[in-house]
Amino acid sequence: MNKIIFVIALILLNFNNNIFAEETDCNKFKKFSMEFFKCKGNLIKEKSISVGQNIVKDTKNYQEKEWSSEKKKLEKAKEKVNEVKKKVLEKWQQKKILKN
């Protein structure tokens, strides 16, 4: 009974892998034909684009995770600087008004 379940599971897993595989089989072309080289070139291009997109996505996620606290600190510092700037400008304008 266990052997039957094991065999059925293997068949189903193998079947699912074949369904979801999107790679084209370049071996159906002759080794040194133009179609073979085009097929291989397209596979390499697709894989390199996919890897590049994954690297960018991973980098972006890492930066968001690691720098989120520092970004909040910078925003708070900017707010404080703006508040001080407003206070200084108000005092400067008051002094200017008193002089006139």
N, C-alpha and C. Protein backbone atom coordinates (compact mmCIF):
# COMPACT_ATOMS: atom_id res chain seq x y z
N MET A 1 0.83 -1.20 0.00
CA MET A 1 0.00 0.00 0.00
C MET A 1 0.87 1.26 0.00
N ASN A 2 1.91 1.25 0.85
CA ASN A 2 2.81 2.40 0.91
C ASN A 2 3.55 2.60 -0.40
N LYS A 3 3.91 1.49 -1.05
CA LYS A 3 4.62 1.58 -2.33
C LYS A 3 3.74 2.21 -3.39
N ILE A 4 2.47 1.87 -3.39
CA ILE A 4 1.54 2.41 -4.37
C ILE A 4 1.38 3.92 -4.17
N ILE A 5 1.23 4.34 -2.94
CA ILE A 5 1.09 5.77 -2.64
C ILE A 5 2.37 6.51 -3.03
N PHE A 6 3.51 5.89 -2.74
CA PHE A 6 4.79 6.50 -3.08
C PHE A 6 4.93 6.66 -4.59
N VAL A 7 4.57 5.64 -5.34
CA VAL A 7 4.67 5.68 -6.81
C VAL A 7 3.72 6.73 -7.36
N ILE A 8 2.51 6.81 -6.84
CA ILE A 8 1.54 7.80 -7.32
C ILE A 8 2.04 9.22 -7.02
N ALA A 9 2.62 9.41 -5.84
CA ALA A 9 3.15 10.72 -5.48
C ALA A 9 4.29 11.12 -6.42
N LEU A 10 5.17 10.19 -6.72
CA LEU A 10 6.27 10.48 -7.65
C LEU A 10 5.75 10.85 -9.03
N ILE A 11 4.76 10.12 -9.49
CA ILE A 11 4.19 10.40 -10.82
C ILE A 11 3.55 11.79 -10.83
N LEU A 12 2.81 12.12 -9.78
CA LEU A 12 2.17 13.44 -9.72
C LEU A 12 3.20 14.56 -9.66
N LEU A 13 4.24 14.39 -8.87
CA LEU A 13 5.28 15.41 -8.78
C LEU A 13 5.99 15.58 -10.11
N ASN A 14 6.29 14.49 -10.77
CA ASN A 14 6.94 14.57 -12.07
C ASN A 14 6.02 15.24 -13.09
N PHE A 15 4.75 14.92 -13.04
CA PHE A 15 3.77 15.49 -13.96
C PHE A 15 3.66 17.00 -13.75
N ASN A 16 3.63 17.44 -12.50
CA ASN A 16 3.54 18.87 -12.20
C ASN A 16 4.77 19.62 -12.68
N ASN A 17 5.94 19.03 -12.53
CA ASN A 17 7.15 19.69 -12.99
C ASN A 17 7.13 19.89 -14.50
N ASN A 18 6.63 18.92 -15.23
CA ASN A 18 6.57 19.04 -16.68
C ASN A 18 5.55 20.08 -17.12
N ILE A 19 4.47 20.21 -16.39
CA ILE A 19 3.45 21.18 -16.76
C ILE A 19 3.95 22.60 -16.54
N PHE A 20 4.61 22.84 -15.42
CA PHE A 20 5.01 24.18 -15.06
C PHE A 20 6.34 24.61 -15.66
N ALA A 21 7.04 23.72 -16.29
CA ALA A 21 8.32 24.08 -16.91
C ALA A 21 8.05 24.89 -18.16
N GLU A 22 8.61 26.10 -18.19
CA GLU A 22 8.39 26.97 -19.33
C GLU A 22 9.58 26.99 -20.29
N GLU A 23 10.62 26.31 -19.94
CA GLU A 23 11.79 26.30 -20.79
C GLU A 23 11.51 25.52 -22.07
N THR A 24 12.03 26.05 -23.15
CA THR A 24 11.89 25.35 -24.41
C THR A 24 13.07 24.40 -24.55
N ASP A 25 12.84 23.31 -25.20
CA ASP A 25 13.88 22.30 -25.37
C ASP A 25 14.62 22.58 -26.66
N CYS A 26 15.85 23.02 -26.55
CA CYS A 26 16.66 23.36 -27.71
C CYS A 26 17.28 22.13 -28.35
N ASN A 27 17.21 21.01 -27.66
CA ASN A 27 17.82 19.79 -28.19
C ASN A 27 17.05 19.22 -29.37
N LYS A 28 15.86 19.72 -29.64
CA LYS A 28 15.11 19.23 -30.80
C LYS A 28 15.68 19.76 -32.11
N PHE A 29 16.57 20.78 -32.02
CA PHE A 29 17.22 21.33 -33.21
C PHE A 29 18.59 20.68 -33.38
N LYS A 30 19.11 20.74 -34.59
CA LYS A 30 20.46 20.25 -34.83
C LYS A 30 21.46 21.13 -34.07
N LYS A 31 22.55 20.52 -33.62
CA LYS A 31 23.49 21.20 -32.72
C LYS A 31 24.02 22.52 -33.25
N PHE A 32 24.40 22.61 -34.51
CA PHE A 32 25.03 23.82 -35.02
C PHE A 32 24.15 24.54 -36.02
N SER A 33 22.83 24.43 -35.85
CA SER A 33 21.92 25.15 -36.74
C SER A 33 21.60 26.52 -36.15
N MET A 34 21.08 27.41 -36.98
CA MET A 34 20.71 28.75 -36.52
C MET A 34 19.59 28.69 -35.49
N GLU A 35 18.66 27.78 -35.68
CA GLU A 35 17.55 27.65 -34.73
C GLU A 35 18.05 27.27 -33.34
N PHE A 36 19.04 26.37 -33.30
CA PHE A 36 19.61 25.94 -32.03
C PHE A 36 20.25 27.12 -31.30
N PHE A 37 21.06 27.91 -32.03
CA PHE A 37 21.73 29.05 -31.41
C PHE A 37 20.74 30.13 -30.99
N LYS A 38 19.69 30.33 -31.79
CA LYS A 38 18.65 31.29 -31.41
C LYS A 38 17.95 30.84 -30.14
N CYS A 39 17.64 29.57 -30.07
CA CYS A 39 16.96 29.01 -28.91
C CYS A 39 17.83 29.16 -27.66
N LYS A 40 19.09 28.79 -27.76
CA LYS A 40 20.01 28.90 -26.62
C LYS A 40 20.20 30.37 -26.21
N GLY A 41 20.31 31.24 -27.20
CA GLY A 41 20.46 32.66 -26.90
C GLY A 41 19.25 33.22 -26.17
N ASN A 42 18.07 32.83 -26.60
CA ASN A 42 16.85 33.29 -25.93
C ASN A 42 16.77 32.77 -24.50
N LEU A 43 17.17 31.51 -24.30
CA LEU A 43 17.16 30.95 -22.94
C LEU A 43 18.11 31.71 -22.03
N ILE A 44 19.31 31.99 -22.54
CA ILE A 44 20.29 32.72 -21.75
C ILE A 44 19.78 34.12 -21.44
N LYS A 45 19.19 34.78 -22.43
CA LYS A 45 18.67 36.13 -22.24
C LYS A 45 17.56 36.14 -21.18
N GLU A 46 16.63 35.19 -21.28
CA GLU A 46 15.52 35.14 -20.33
C GLU A 46 16.01 34.88 -18.91
N LYS A 47 16.97 33.96 -18.78
CA LYS A 47 17.50 33.66 -17.45
C LYS A 47 18.26 34.83 -16.86
N SER A 48 19.06 35.52 -17.68
CA SER A 48 19.83 36.64 -17.16
C SER A 48 18.91 37.80 -16.77
N ILE A 49 17.85 38.03 -17.53
CA ILE A 49 16.88 39.07 -17.17
C ILE A 49 16.18 38.70 -15.87
N SER A 50 15.81 37.44 -15.74
CA SER A 50 15.14 36.98 -14.53
C SER A 50 16.03 37.13 -13.31
N VAL A 51 17.29 36.75 -13.44
CA VAL A 51 18.23 36.87 -12.33
C VAL A 51 18.44 38.33 -11.97
N GLY A 52 18.56 39.18 -12.98
CA GLY A 52 18.73 40.61 -12.73
C GLY A 52 17.55 41.20 -11.99
N GLN A 53 16.35 40.81 -12.39
CA GLN A 53 15.15 41.32 -11.72
C GLN A 53 15.09 40.83 -10.27
N ASN A 54 15.50 39.60 -10.04
CA ASN A 54 15.50 39.08 -8.68
C ASN A 54 16.51 39.82 -7.80
N ILE A 55 17.67 40.13 -8.37
CA ILE A 55 18.69 40.86 -7.61
C ILE A 55 18.17 42.25 -7.24
N VAL A 56 17.54 42.92 -8.20
CA VAL A 56 17.01 44.26 -7.93
C VAL A 56 15.92 44.19 -6.86
N LYS A 57 15.04 43.21 -6.98
CA LYS A 57 13.95 43.06 -6.02
C LYS A 57 14.50 42.77 -4.62
N ASP A 58 15.47 41.86 -4.52
CA ASP A 58 16.06 41.53 -3.23
C ASP A 58 16.78 42.74 -2.62
N THR A 59 17.49 43.50 -3.45
CA THR A 59 18.20 44.67 -2.97
C THR A 59 17.22 45.71 -2.45
N LYS A 60 16.15 45.93 -3.18
CA LYS A 60 15.15 46.90 -2.77
C LYS A 60 14.51 46.49 -1.44
N ASN A 61 14.17 45.23 -1.30
CA ASN A 61 13.59 44.74 -0.05
C ASN A 61 14.56 44.90 1.11
N TYR A 62 15.83 44.59 0.89
CA TYR A 62 16.85 44.72 1.93
C TYR A 62 16.99 46.18 2.37
N GLN A 63 17.05 47.07 1.38
CA GLN A 63 17.21 48.48 1.70
C GLN A 63 16.01 49.00 2.49
N GLU A 64 14.82 48.63 2.08
CA GLU A 64 13.64 49.08 2.80
C GLU A 64 13.64 48.57 4.23
N LYS A 65 14.03 47.32 4.41
CA LYS A 65 14.03 46.72 5.74
C LYS A 65 15.11 47.34 6.62
N GLU A 66 16.32 47.48 6.10
CA GLU A 66 17.44 47.94 6.90
C GLU A 66 17.44 49.45 7.13
N TRP A 67 16.95 50.21 6.17
CA TRP A 67 17.06 51.65 6.26
C TRP A 67 15.79 52.34 6.72
N SER A 68 14.75 51.59 6.99
CA SER A 68 13.49 52.23 7.36
C SER A 68 13.63 53.01 8.67
N SER A 69 14.32 52.47 9.65
CA SER A 69 14.49 53.18 10.92
C SER A 69 15.36 54.43 10.73
N GLU A 70 16.41 54.31 9.92
CA GLU A 70 17.28 55.47 9.67
C GLU A 70 16.53 56.54 8.90
N LYS A 71 15.66 56.13 8.01
CA LYS A 71 14.88 57.07 7.23
C LYS A 71 13.94 57.86 8.14
N LYS A 72 13.35 57.18 9.12
CA LYS A 72 12.47 57.85 10.08
C LYS A 72 13.26 58.86 10.90
N LYS A 73 14.47 58.49 11.29
CA LYS A 73 15.30 59.41 12.05
C LYS A 73 15.63 60.66 11.23
N LEU A 74 15.94 60.46 9.95
CA LEU A 74 16.23 61.60 9.08
C LEU A 74 15.02 62.52 8.93
N GLU A 75 13.83 61.92 8.79
CA GLU A 75 12.62 62.73 8.65
C GLU A 75 12.37 63.54 9.92
N LYS A 76 12.59 62.94 11.09
CA LYS A 76 12.43 63.67 12.35
C LYS A 76 13.43 64.82 12.44
N ALA A 77 14.66 64.56 12.02
CA ALA A 77 15.70 65.59 12.06
C ALA A 77 15.33 66.74 11.12
N LYS A 78 14.80 66.43 9.94
CA LYS A 78 14.38 67.47 9.00
C LYS A 78 13.27 68.32 9.59
N GLU A 79 12.33 67.67 10.27
CA GLU A 79 11.23 68.41 10.90
C GLU A 79 11.77 69.36 11.96
N LYS A 80 12.71 68.89 12.76
CA LYS A 80 13.29 69.74 13.80
C LYS A 80 14.03 70.92 13.18
N VAL A 81 14.77 70.67 12.11
CA VAL A 81 15.50 71.74 11.44
C VAL A 81 14.52 72.77 10.89
N ASN A 82 13.43 72.30 10.31
CA ASN A 82 12.42 73.23 9.77
C ASN A 82 11.78 74.05 10.88
N GLU A 83 11.53 73.45 12.04
CA GLU A 83 10.96 74.17 13.17
C GLU A 83 11.92 75.26 13.65
N VAL A 84 13.18 74.91 13.78
CA VAL A 84 14.19 75.88 14.21
C VAL A 84 14.31 77.00 13.19
N LYS A 85 14.27 76.64 11.93
CA LYS A 85 14.36 77.63 10.85
C LYS A 85 13.20 78.62 10.94
N LYS A 86 12.00 78.11 11.18
CA LYS A 86 10.84 78.99 11.31
C LYS A 86 10.99 79.93 12.50
N LYS A 87 11.46 79.41 13.62
CA LYS A 87 11.65 80.24 14.81
C LYS A 87 12.69 81.34 14.56
N VAL A 88 13.78 80.98 13.90
CA VAL A 88 14.83 81.96 13.61
C VAL A 88 14.29 83.03 12.69
N LEU A 89 13.55 82.64 11.67
CA LEU A 89 12.99 83.62 10.74
C LEU A 89 12.00 84.53 11.43
N GLU A 90 11.19 84.00 12.32
CA GLU A 90 10.23 84.82 13.06
C GLU A 90 10.96 85.85 13.93
N LYS A 91 12.00 85.41 14.64
CA LYS A 91 12.76 86.34 15.48
C LYS A 91 13.44 87.40 14.63
N TRP A 92 13.96 87.01 13.49
CA TRP A 92 14.64 87.94 12.59
C TRP A 92 13.66 88.99 12.08
N GLN A 93 12.46 88.53 11.71
CA GLN A 93 11.45 89.47 11.24
C GLN A 93 11.00 90.41 12.34
N GLN A 94 10.89 89.91 13.58
CA GLN A 94 10.51 90.77 14.70
C GLN A 94 11.57 91.83 14.96
N LYS A 95 12.84 91.45 14.89
CA LYS A 95 13.91 92.41 15.08
C LYS A 95 13.90 93.45 13.97
N LYS A 96 13.63 93.01 12.75
CA LYS A 96 13.58 93.92 11.61
C LYS A 96 12.46 94.92 11.78
N ILE A 97 11.31 94.47 12.27
CA ILE A 97 10.17 95.35 12.49
C ILE A 97 10.47 96.36 13.59
N LEU A 98 11.12 95.92 14.66
CA LEU A 98 11.46 96.81 15.78
C LEU A 98 12.46 97.89 15.35
N LYS A 99 13.37 97.58 14.46
CA LYS A 99 14.37 98.54 14.00
C LYS A 99 13.71 99.64 13.17
N ASN A 100 12.69 99.28 12.41
CA ASN A 100 12.03 100.27 11.55
C ASN A 100 11.12 101.07 12.41
